[in-house]
N, C-alpha and C. Protein backbone atom coordinates (compact mmCIF):
# COMPACT_ATOMS: atom_id res chain seq x y z
N MET A 1 -68.74 122.74 -69.36
CA MET A 1 -67.33 122.60 -69.62
C MET A 1 -66.85 123.55 -70.70
N LYS A 2 -67.66 123.77 -71.72
CA LYS A 2 -67.25 124.68 -72.77
C LYS A 2 -67.04 126.07 -72.22
N LEU A 3 -67.85 126.48 -71.28
CA LEU A 3 -67.71 127.79 -70.67
C LEU A 3 -66.38 127.88 -69.93
N ASP A 4 -65.97 126.82 -69.25
CA ASP A 4 -64.69 126.81 -68.54
C ASP A 4 -63.52 126.92 -69.53
N ASN A 5 -63.59 126.21 -70.65
CA ASN A 5 -62.53 126.27 -71.66
C ASN A 5 -62.41 127.67 -72.25
N ILE A 6 -63.54 128.30 -72.51
CA ILE A 6 -63.54 129.66 -73.06
C ILE A 6 -62.95 130.63 -72.03
N ALA A 7 -63.35 130.49 -70.77
CA ALA A 7 -62.82 131.36 -69.72
C ALA A 7 -61.31 131.18 -69.58
N VAL A 8 -60.84 129.94 -69.64
CA VAL A 8 -59.40 129.67 -69.53
C VAL A 8 -58.67 130.33 -70.69
N LYS A 9 -59.22 130.20 -71.90
CA LYS A 9 -58.58 130.79 -73.06
C LYS A 9 -58.50 132.30 -72.93
N TYR A 10 -59.58 132.92 -72.52
CA TYR A 10 -59.59 134.38 -72.44
C TYR A 10 -58.78 134.92 -71.26
N LEU A 11 -58.62 134.12 -70.23
CA LEU A 11 -57.81 134.55 -69.09
C LEU A 11 -56.34 134.16 -69.26
N LEU A 12 -56.11 132.96 -69.77
CA LEU A 12 -54.76 132.44 -69.86
C LEU A 12 -53.94 133.11 -70.97
N ILE A 13 -54.55 133.35 -72.10
CA ILE A 13 -53.82 133.95 -73.23
C ILE A 13 -53.30 135.34 -72.88
N PRO A 14 -54.10 136.26 -72.32
CA PRO A 14 -53.53 137.57 -71.96
C PRO A 14 -52.42 137.48 -70.90
N VAL A 15 -52.57 136.55 -69.96
CA VAL A 15 -51.54 136.39 -68.94
C VAL A 15 -50.24 135.91 -69.58
N LEU A 16 -50.32 134.92 -70.47
CA LEU A 16 -49.13 134.42 -71.15
C LEU A 16 -48.50 135.49 -72.03
N LEU A 17 -49.31 136.24 -72.75
CA LEU A 17 -48.78 137.32 -73.59
C LEU A 17 -48.11 138.39 -72.73
N GLY A 18 -48.68 138.69 -71.58
CA GLY A 18 -48.07 139.67 -70.67
C GLY A 18 -46.73 139.20 -70.16
N LEU A 19 -46.66 137.92 -69.78
CA LEU A 19 -45.38 137.37 -69.31
C LEU A 19 -44.35 137.37 -70.43
N LEU A 20 -44.76 137.03 -71.64
CA LEU A 20 -43.85 137.03 -72.77
C LEU A 20 -43.33 138.44 -73.05
N SER A 21 -44.20 139.44 -73.00
CA SER A 21 -43.75 140.80 -73.28
C SER A 21 -42.81 141.31 -72.19
N VAL A 22 -43.04 140.94 -70.94
CA VAL A 22 -42.12 141.33 -69.87
C VAL A 22 -40.77 140.66 -70.08
N SER A 23 -40.77 139.39 -70.47
CA SER A 23 -39.53 138.66 -70.72
C SER A 23 -38.76 139.28 -71.88
N LEU A 24 -39.45 139.60 -72.97
CA LEU A 24 -38.79 140.21 -74.12
C LEU A 24 -38.30 141.61 -73.80
N ALA A 25 -39.05 142.35 -73.00
CA ALA A 25 -38.62 143.70 -72.64
C ALA A 25 -37.33 143.66 -71.85
N GLY A 26 -37.14 142.62 -71.03
CA GLY A 26 -35.92 142.48 -70.27
C GLY A 26 -34.71 142.19 -71.15
N GLN A 27 -34.96 141.69 -72.37
CA GLN A 27 -33.88 141.36 -73.28
C GLN A 27 -33.66 142.44 -74.33
N ALA A 28 -34.47 143.46 -74.35
CA ALA A 28 -34.37 144.49 -75.38
C ALA A 28 -33.07 145.26 -75.24
N SER A 29 -32.53 145.68 -76.37
CA SER A 29 -31.30 146.44 -76.39
C SER A 29 -31.59 147.91 -76.67
N ASP A 30 -30.79 148.75 -76.08
CA ASP A 30 -30.84 150.18 -76.34
C ASP A 30 -29.64 150.48 -77.23
N CYS A 31 -29.89 150.63 -78.54
CA CYS A 31 -28.81 150.83 -79.49
C CYS A 31 -28.49 152.32 -79.64
N LYS A 32 -27.22 152.63 -79.56
CA LYS A 32 -26.74 154.01 -79.66
C LYS A 32 -25.92 154.17 -80.93
N ILE A 33 -26.21 155.21 -81.67
CA ILE A 33 -25.41 155.56 -82.84
C ILE A 33 -24.14 156.25 -82.35
N VAL A 34 -23.00 155.82 -82.87
CA VAL A 34 -21.72 156.43 -82.50
C VAL A 34 -21.20 157.21 -83.71
N ASN A 35 -20.80 158.43 -83.47
CA ASN A 35 -20.18 159.28 -84.49
C ASN A 35 -19.33 160.31 -83.75
N THR A 36 -18.05 159.99 -83.57
CA THR A 36 -17.19 160.83 -82.74
C THR A 36 -15.75 160.82 -83.24
N GLN A 37 -14.96 161.69 -82.70
CA GLN A 37 -13.55 161.83 -83.07
C GLN A 37 -12.68 160.99 -82.14
N LEU A 38 -11.64 160.36 -82.70
CA LEU A 38 -10.63 159.63 -81.94
C LEU A 38 -9.27 160.05 -82.45
N ASN A 39 -8.47 160.64 -81.57
CA ASN A 39 -7.10 161.04 -81.92
C ASN A 39 -6.13 160.34 -80.99
N GLY A 40 -4.98 159.93 -81.52
CA GLY A 40 -4.03 159.24 -80.68
C GLY A 40 -2.73 158.94 -81.38
N SER A 41 -2.04 157.90 -80.91
CA SER A 41 -0.76 157.52 -81.50
C SER A 41 -0.48 156.05 -81.25
N SER A 42 0.35 155.48 -82.10
CA SER A 42 0.83 154.12 -81.88
C SER A 42 2.25 154.20 -81.33
N PHE A 43 2.67 153.13 -80.66
CA PHE A 43 3.98 153.14 -80.02
C PHE A 43 4.47 151.72 -79.81
N ILE A 44 5.73 151.57 -79.53
CA ILE A 44 6.34 150.27 -79.26
C ILE A 44 5.97 149.86 -77.83
N CYS A 45 5.54 148.59 -77.67
CA CYS A 45 5.14 148.13 -76.34
C CYS A 45 5.48 146.66 -76.16
N GLY A 46 5.60 146.23 -74.93
CA GLY A 46 5.91 144.85 -74.62
C GLY A 46 4.71 143.94 -74.52
N GLU A 47 3.50 144.48 -74.40
CA GLU A 47 2.29 143.66 -74.25
C GLU A 47 1.89 142.98 -75.55
N SER A 48 2.37 143.48 -76.68
CA SER A 48 1.97 142.99 -77.99
C SER A 48 2.95 141.97 -78.54
N PRO A 49 2.46 140.88 -79.16
CA PRO A 49 3.38 139.92 -79.78
C PRO A 49 4.13 140.50 -80.98
N ILE A 50 3.63 141.62 -81.54
CA ILE A 50 4.36 142.27 -82.63
C ILE A 50 4.91 143.63 -82.19
N ALA A 51 4.89 143.89 -80.87
CA ALA A 51 5.50 145.06 -80.24
C ALA A 51 4.86 146.39 -80.62
N ILE A 52 3.57 146.38 -81.00
CA ILE A 52 2.88 147.63 -81.35
C ILE A 52 1.60 147.76 -80.54
N CYS A 53 1.41 148.93 -79.93
CA CYS A 53 0.18 149.29 -79.24
C CYS A 53 -0.26 150.66 -79.74
N ALA A 54 -1.48 151.05 -79.42
CA ALA A 54 -1.96 152.39 -79.76
C ALA A 54 -2.90 152.85 -78.65
N ASP A 55 -2.88 154.14 -78.39
CA ASP A 55 -3.84 154.71 -77.46
C ASP A 55 -4.39 156.00 -78.03
N GLY A 56 -5.52 156.41 -77.50
CA GLY A 56 -6.14 157.63 -78.01
C GLY A 56 -7.20 158.14 -77.08
N VAL A 57 -7.76 159.29 -77.46
CA VAL A 57 -8.80 159.96 -76.68
C VAL A 57 -10.03 160.15 -77.56
N ILE A 58 -11.19 159.75 -77.03
CA ILE A 58 -12.47 159.92 -77.70
C ILE A 58 -13.10 161.17 -77.13
N SER A 59 -13.54 162.06 -78.02
CA SER A 59 -13.94 163.40 -77.60
C SER A 59 -15.36 163.54 -77.08
N SER A 60 -16.29 162.63 -77.49
CA SER A 60 -17.68 162.85 -77.09
C SER A 60 -18.50 161.57 -77.20
N GLY A 61 -19.73 161.64 -76.74
CA GLY A 61 -20.67 160.53 -76.88
C GLY A 61 -20.49 159.46 -75.82
N ILE A 62 -21.14 158.30 -76.04
CA ILE A 62 -21.11 157.24 -75.04
C ILE A 62 -19.73 156.62 -74.87
N LEU A 63 -18.83 156.86 -75.82
CA LEU A 63 -17.46 156.33 -75.72
C LEU A 63 -16.46 157.37 -75.24
N LYS A 64 -16.93 158.53 -74.80
CA LYS A 64 -16.02 159.58 -74.34
C LYS A 64 -15.09 159.01 -73.27
N GLY A 65 -13.79 159.12 -73.53
CA GLY A 65 -12.80 158.55 -72.63
C GLY A 65 -11.54 158.22 -73.40
N THR A 66 -11.01 157.02 -73.17
CA THR A 66 -9.76 156.63 -73.83
C THR A 66 -9.94 155.31 -74.57
N LYS A 67 -9.01 155.05 -75.48
CA LYS A 67 -8.96 153.77 -76.20
C LYS A 67 -7.54 153.25 -76.13
N MET A 68 -7.41 151.94 -75.93
CA MET A 68 -6.11 151.27 -75.94
C MET A 68 -6.24 150.04 -76.82
N ALA A 69 -5.28 149.86 -77.72
CA ALA A 69 -5.26 148.67 -78.59
C ALA A 69 -3.91 148.00 -78.48
N VAL A 70 -3.93 146.68 -78.35
CA VAL A 70 -2.72 145.87 -78.36
C VAL A 70 -2.79 145.03 -79.63
N TYR A 71 -1.87 145.28 -80.56
CA TYR A 71 -1.88 144.60 -81.85
C TYR A 71 -1.41 143.16 -81.69
N THR A 72 -2.18 142.24 -82.27
CA THR A 72 -1.92 140.82 -82.11
C THR A 72 -1.29 140.17 -83.34
N ALA A 73 -1.43 140.78 -84.51
CA ALA A 73 -0.85 140.23 -85.74
C ALA A 73 -0.80 141.31 -86.80
N GLY A 74 0.10 141.13 -87.75
CA GLY A 74 0.21 142.05 -88.88
C GLY A 74 0.76 141.30 -90.09
N ALA A 75 0.39 141.77 -91.27
CA ALA A 75 0.85 141.10 -92.49
C ALA A 75 0.91 142.11 -93.63
N PRO A 76 1.82 141.90 -94.58
CA PRO A 76 1.83 142.77 -95.76
C PRO A 76 0.59 142.50 -96.62
N GLY A 77 0.09 143.52 -97.26
CA GLY A 77 -1.08 143.37 -98.11
C GLY A 77 -2.36 143.33 -97.31
N ALA A 78 -3.45 143.18 -98.03
CA ALA A 78 -4.76 143.13 -97.39
C ALA A 78 -5.42 141.78 -97.64
N GLY A 79 -4.60 140.74 -97.80
CA GLY A 79 -5.12 139.41 -98.03
C GLY A 79 -5.34 139.08 -99.49
N LEU A 80 -4.98 139.99 -100.37
CA LEU A 80 -5.11 139.78 -101.81
C LEU A 80 -3.72 139.75 -102.42
N PHE A 81 -3.45 138.79 -103.27
CA PHE A 81 -2.12 138.66 -103.86
C PHE A 81 -1.79 139.81 -104.81
N THR A 82 -2.83 140.45 -105.36
CA THR A 82 -2.59 141.53 -106.31
C THR A 82 -2.45 142.89 -105.63
N GLU A 83 -2.65 142.90 -104.32
CA GLU A 83 -2.63 144.17 -103.57
C GLU A 83 -1.21 144.73 -103.51
N SER A 84 -1.14 146.05 -103.46
CA SER A 84 0.13 146.74 -103.34
C SER A 84 0.88 146.28 -102.09
N PRO A 85 2.18 146.01 -102.17
CA PRO A 85 2.93 145.56 -101.00
C PRO A 85 3.09 146.63 -99.92
N VAL A 86 2.78 147.88 -100.22
CA VAL A 86 2.91 148.91 -99.20
C VAL A 86 1.71 148.94 -98.26
N VAL A 87 0.63 148.26 -98.62
CA VAL A 87 -0.55 148.18 -97.76
C VAL A 87 -0.30 147.06 -96.75
N ALA A 88 -0.71 147.27 -95.50
CA ALA A 88 -0.56 146.24 -94.47
C ALA A 88 -1.89 146.02 -93.76
N SER A 89 -2.14 144.80 -93.35
CA SER A 89 -3.33 144.49 -92.56
C SER A 89 -2.89 144.10 -91.15
N TYR A 90 -3.81 144.24 -90.20
CA TYR A 90 -3.47 143.96 -88.81
C TYR A 90 -4.71 143.60 -88.02
N SER A 91 -4.48 142.99 -86.87
CA SER A 91 -5.55 142.71 -85.91
C SER A 91 -5.10 143.18 -84.54
N ALA A 92 -6.08 143.44 -83.68
CA ALA A 92 -5.76 143.93 -82.33
C ALA A 92 -6.91 143.62 -81.39
N ASP A 93 -6.59 143.60 -80.12
CA ASP A 93 -7.60 143.60 -79.06
C ASP A 93 -7.66 145.04 -78.55
N ALA A 94 -8.85 145.62 -78.55
CA ALA A 94 -8.99 147.03 -78.18
C ALA A 94 -9.99 147.20 -77.05
N VAL A 95 -9.80 148.25 -76.26
CA VAL A 95 -10.70 148.57 -75.15
C VAL A 95 -10.95 150.07 -75.13
N PHE A 96 -12.22 150.45 -75.17
CA PHE A 96 -12.62 151.83 -74.91
C PHE A 96 -12.95 151.91 -73.43
N THR A 97 -12.36 152.84 -72.71
CA THR A 97 -12.60 153.01 -71.28
C THR A 97 -13.33 154.32 -71.05
N THR A 98 -14.52 154.23 -70.43
CA THR A 98 -15.32 155.41 -70.11
C THR A 98 -15.54 155.46 -68.60
N LYS A 99 -16.20 156.51 -68.13
CA LYS A 99 -16.52 156.61 -66.70
C LYS A 99 -17.49 155.53 -66.27
N ARG A 100 -18.27 154.97 -67.23
CA ARG A 100 -19.32 154.02 -66.88
C ARG A 100 -19.00 152.57 -67.25
N GLY A 101 -17.77 152.30 -67.71
CA GLY A 101 -17.40 150.93 -68.02
C GLY A 101 -16.45 150.83 -69.20
N GLU A 102 -16.09 149.60 -69.51
CA GLU A 102 -15.18 149.32 -70.62
C GLU A 102 -15.94 148.59 -71.73
N LEU A 103 -15.60 148.92 -72.98
CA LEU A 103 -16.14 148.25 -74.14
C LEU A 103 -14.98 147.52 -74.82
N HIS A 104 -15.07 146.19 -74.92
CA HIS A 104 -14.00 145.37 -75.48
C HIS A 104 -14.31 145.05 -76.94
N LEU A 105 -13.28 145.16 -77.80
CA LEU A 105 -13.47 144.97 -79.23
C LEU A 105 -12.40 144.08 -79.85
N SER A 106 -12.78 143.41 -80.92
CA SER A 106 -11.85 142.69 -81.78
C SER A 106 -11.70 143.54 -83.03
N GLN A 107 -10.48 143.90 -83.34
CA GLN A 107 -10.21 144.90 -84.39
C GLN A 107 -9.48 144.28 -85.57
N LEU A 108 -9.95 144.58 -86.79
CA LEU A 108 -9.26 144.22 -88.03
C LEU A 108 -9.08 145.49 -88.83
N GLY A 109 -7.86 145.72 -89.33
CA GLY A 109 -7.61 146.97 -90.03
C GLY A 109 -6.69 146.81 -91.21
N VAL A 110 -6.70 147.84 -92.04
CA VAL A 110 -5.79 147.94 -93.19
C VAL A 110 -5.23 149.36 -93.18
N THR A 111 -3.92 149.45 -93.37
CA THR A 111 -3.29 150.76 -93.41
C THR A 111 -2.46 150.91 -94.68
N ASP A 112 -2.41 152.13 -95.16
CA ASP A 112 -1.57 152.49 -96.32
C ASP A 112 -0.64 153.59 -95.84
N PRO A 113 0.57 153.22 -95.37
CA PRO A 113 1.47 154.23 -94.82
C PRO A 113 2.00 155.22 -95.86
N ILE A 114 2.01 154.84 -97.12
CA ILE A 114 2.47 155.77 -98.16
C ILE A 114 1.49 156.92 -98.32
N ASN A 115 0.20 156.59 -98.38
CA ASN A 115 -0.84 157.63 -98.50
C ASN A 115 -1.33 158.11 -97.14
N GLN A 116 -0.80 157.53 -96.05
CA GLN A 116 -1.08 157.91 -94.67
C GLN A 116 -2.57 157.86 -94.33
N ILE A 117 -3.20 156.71 -94.64
CA ILE A 117 -4.60 156.49 -94.31
C ILE A 117 -4.78 155.09 -93.72
N PHE A 118 -5.88 154.88 -92.99
CA PHE A 118 -6.19 153.56 -92.45
C PHE A 118 -7.70 153.44 -92.26
N THR A 119 -8.16 152.20 -92.16
CA THR A 119 -9.55 151.93 -91.84
C THR A 119 -9.63 150.63 -91.04
N GLU A 120 -10.63 150.54 -90.14
CA GLU A 120 -10.76 149.38 -89.26
C GLU A 120 -12.22 148.99 -89.07
N LEU A 121 -12.44 147.70 -88.87
CA LEU A 121 -13.71 147.15 -88.42
C LEU A 121 -13.48 146.67 -86.99
N ASN A 122 -14.28 147.16 -86.07
CA ASN A 122 -14.17 146.78 -84.66
C ASN A 122 -15.48 146.12 -84.24
N ARG A 123 -15.42 144.84 -83.86
CA ARG A 123 -16.61 144.12 -83.41
C ARG A 123 -16.60 144.07 -81.89
N VAL A 124 -17.74 144.42 -81.28
CA VAL A 124 -17.86 144.37 -79.83
C VAL A 124 -17.85 142.91 -79.39
N VAL A 125 -16.97 142.58 -78.44
CA VAL A 125 -16.85 141.21 -77.94
C VAL A 125 -17.13 141.10 -76.44
N GLY A 126 -17.39 142.21 -75.77
CA GLY A 126 -17.67 142.16 -74.34
C GLY A 126 -17.57 143.54 -73.72
N GLY A 127 -17.67 143.55 -72.42
CA GLY A 127 -17.56 144.82 -71.73
C GLY A 127 -17.82 144.68 -70.24
N THR A 128 -17.68 145.81 -69.54
CA THR A 128 -17.96 145.86 -68.11
C THR A 128 -18.86 147.05 -67.85
N GLY A 129 -19.45 147.09 -66.65
CA GLY A 129 -20.31 148.21 -66.28
C GLY A 129 -21.45 148.38 -67.28
N ARG A 130 -21.63 149.59 -67.75
CA ARG A 130 -22.69 149.91 -68.70
C ARG A 130 -22.62 149.03 -69.95
N PHE A 131 -21.44 148.58 -70.33
CA PHE A 131 -21.24 147.83 -71.57
C PHE A 131 -21.26 146.31 -71.37
N SER A 132 -21.62 145.84 -70.19
CA SER A 132 -21.73 144.41 -69.94
C SER A 132 -22.82 143.84 -70.85
N GLY A 133 -22.47 142.86 -71.66
CA GLY A 133 -23.44 142.26 -72.58
C GLY A 133 -23.68 143.05 -73.86
N ALA A 134 -22.89 144.10 -74.09
CA ALA A 134 -23.09 144.95 -75.27
C ALA A 134 -22.77 144.19 -76.56
N THR A 135 -23.37 144.66 -77.65
CA THR A 135 -23.10 144.13 -78.99
C THR A 135 -22.91 145.32 -79.92
N GLY A 136 -22.44 145.04 -81.14
CA GLY A 136 -22.36 146.10 -82.13
C GLY A 136 -21.06 146.07 -82.93
N GLU A 137 -20.97 147.01 -83.85
CA GLU A 137 -19.79 147.18 -84.69
C GLU A 137 -19.44 148.65 -84.77
N LEU A 138 -18.16 148.92 -84.78
CA LEU A 138 -17.66 150.28 -84.96
C LEU A 138 -16.68 150.30 -86.12
N PHE A 139 -16.71 151.37 -86.87
CA PHE A 139 -15.80 151.56 -88.00
C PHE A 139 -14.94 152.78 -87.69
N ILE A 140 -13.64 152.61 -87.82
CA ILE A 140 -12.72 153.71 -87.54
C ILE A 140 -11.89 153.94 -88.79
N SER A 141 -11.90 155.16 -89.29
CA SER A 141 -11.11 155.52 -90.47
C SER A 141 -10.44 156.85 -90.23
N GLY A 142 -9.22 156.98 -90.75
CA GLY A 142 -8.55 158.24 -90.51
C GLY A 142 -7.25 158.39 -91.27
N THR A 143 -6.50 159.38 -90.81
CA THR A 143 -5.22 159.72 -91.43
C THR A 143 -4.10 159.54 -90.42
N LEU A 144 -2.91 159.28 -90.94
CA LEU A 144 -1.71 159.07 -90.12
C LEU A 144 -0.81 160.28 -90.20
N ASN A 145 -0.08 160.51 -89.13
CA ASN A 145 0.94 161.55 -89.08
C ASN A 145 2.15 160.88 -88.46
N THR A 146 3.23 160.70 -89.22
CA THR A 146 4.34 159.86 -88.80
C THR A 146 5.62 160.63 -88.51
N PRO A 147 5.77 161.20 -87.31
CA PRO A 147 7.05 161.80 -86.95
C PRO A 147 7.96 160.76 -86.28
N GLU A 148 9.03 160.41 -86.92
CA GLU A 148 10.04 159.47 -86.43
C GLU A 148 9.44 158.13 -86.02
N LEU A 149 9.59 157.68 -84.75
CA LEU A 149 9.14 156.36 -84.34
C LEU A 149 7.69 156.30 -83.88
N VAL A 150 7.04 157.42 -83.70
CA VAL A 150 5.66 157.44 -83.23
C VAL A 150 4.75 157.80 -84.39
N THR A 151 3.67 157.05 -84.55
CA THR A 151 2.69 157.36 -85.59
C THR A 151 1.45 157.93 -84.92
N GLY A 152 1.20 159.20 -85.14
CA GLY A 152 -0.03 159.82 -84.66
C GLY A 152 -1.15 159.57 -85.64
N PHE A 153 -2.38 159.67 -85.17
CA PHE A 153 -3.52 159.51 -86.08
C PHE A 153 -4.68 160.38 -85.64
N GLU A 154 -5.49 160.77 -86.62
CA GLU A 154 -6.76 161.45 -86.41
C GLU A 154 -7.79 160.63 -87.13
N SER A 155 -8.89 160.29 -86.44
CA SER A 155 -9.86 159.39 -87.05
C SER A 155 -11.28 159.69 -86.61
N ARG A 156 -12.20 159.08 -87.33
CA ARG A 156 -13.62 159.18 -87.04
C ARG A 156 -14.11 157.78 -86.66
N VAL A 157 -14.88 157.69 -85.58
CA VAL A 157 -15.47 156.44 -85.13
C VAL A 157 -16.96 156.53 -85.42
N THR A 158 -17.48 155.58 -86.21
CA THR A 158 -18.92 155.52 -86.49
C THR A 158 -19.41 154.10 -86.29
N GLY A 159 -20.70 153.95 -86.09
CA GLY A 159 -21.28 152.62 -85.95
C GLY A 159 -22.36 152.61 -84.91
N THR A 160 -22.60 151.42 -84.34
CA THR A 160 -23.67 151.22 -83.37
C THR A 160 -23.18 150.36 -82.22
N VAL A 161 -23.53 150.77 -81.01
CA VAL A 161 -23.30 149.96 -79.82
C VAL A 161 -24.65 149.74 -79.17
N CYS A 162 -25.02 148.48 -78.97
CA CYS A 162 -26.29 148.14 -78.34
C CYS A 162 -26.02 147.65 -76.92
N ILE A 163 -26.71 148.27 -75.98
CA ILE A 163 -26.53 147.99 -74.56
C ILE A 163 -27.77 147.27 -74.07
N ASN A 164 -27.59 146.13 -73.42
CA ASN A 164 -28.74 145.35 -72.92
C ASN A 164 -29.32 145.96 -71.68
């Protein structure tokens, strides 16, 4: 009987470890570093509860394509009572659209229209095609160019997108 127990241990353990490694390999993510340019503009739109949307073009990398954001809320300041009243914070639902799928993001940002700068944290919340099940965070920072009613922007997108 001891020989049978030893044989089971030596045969069963490698089989279980093999199955576990195959299962974990199926769940592994391929994380991509993002570092690309995004240029675009904001505009008045009906889809947004605060009437502001933005679109842009991504020049390279896995996000090469377009971006659309529908702003969902905005407030003066950055959540601090001592903050300058010219700074504004905002949230948006954003989508990067590429040839291989869409990447959906939840966006939080702060803008300083006097100094014409902004920065955003974008958390991946879903996707389609290549980005189905994706995770990650993207940071977008840039400068504003404000001719009349349209605000143009030039920005850099950095961060990581992990694809399952």
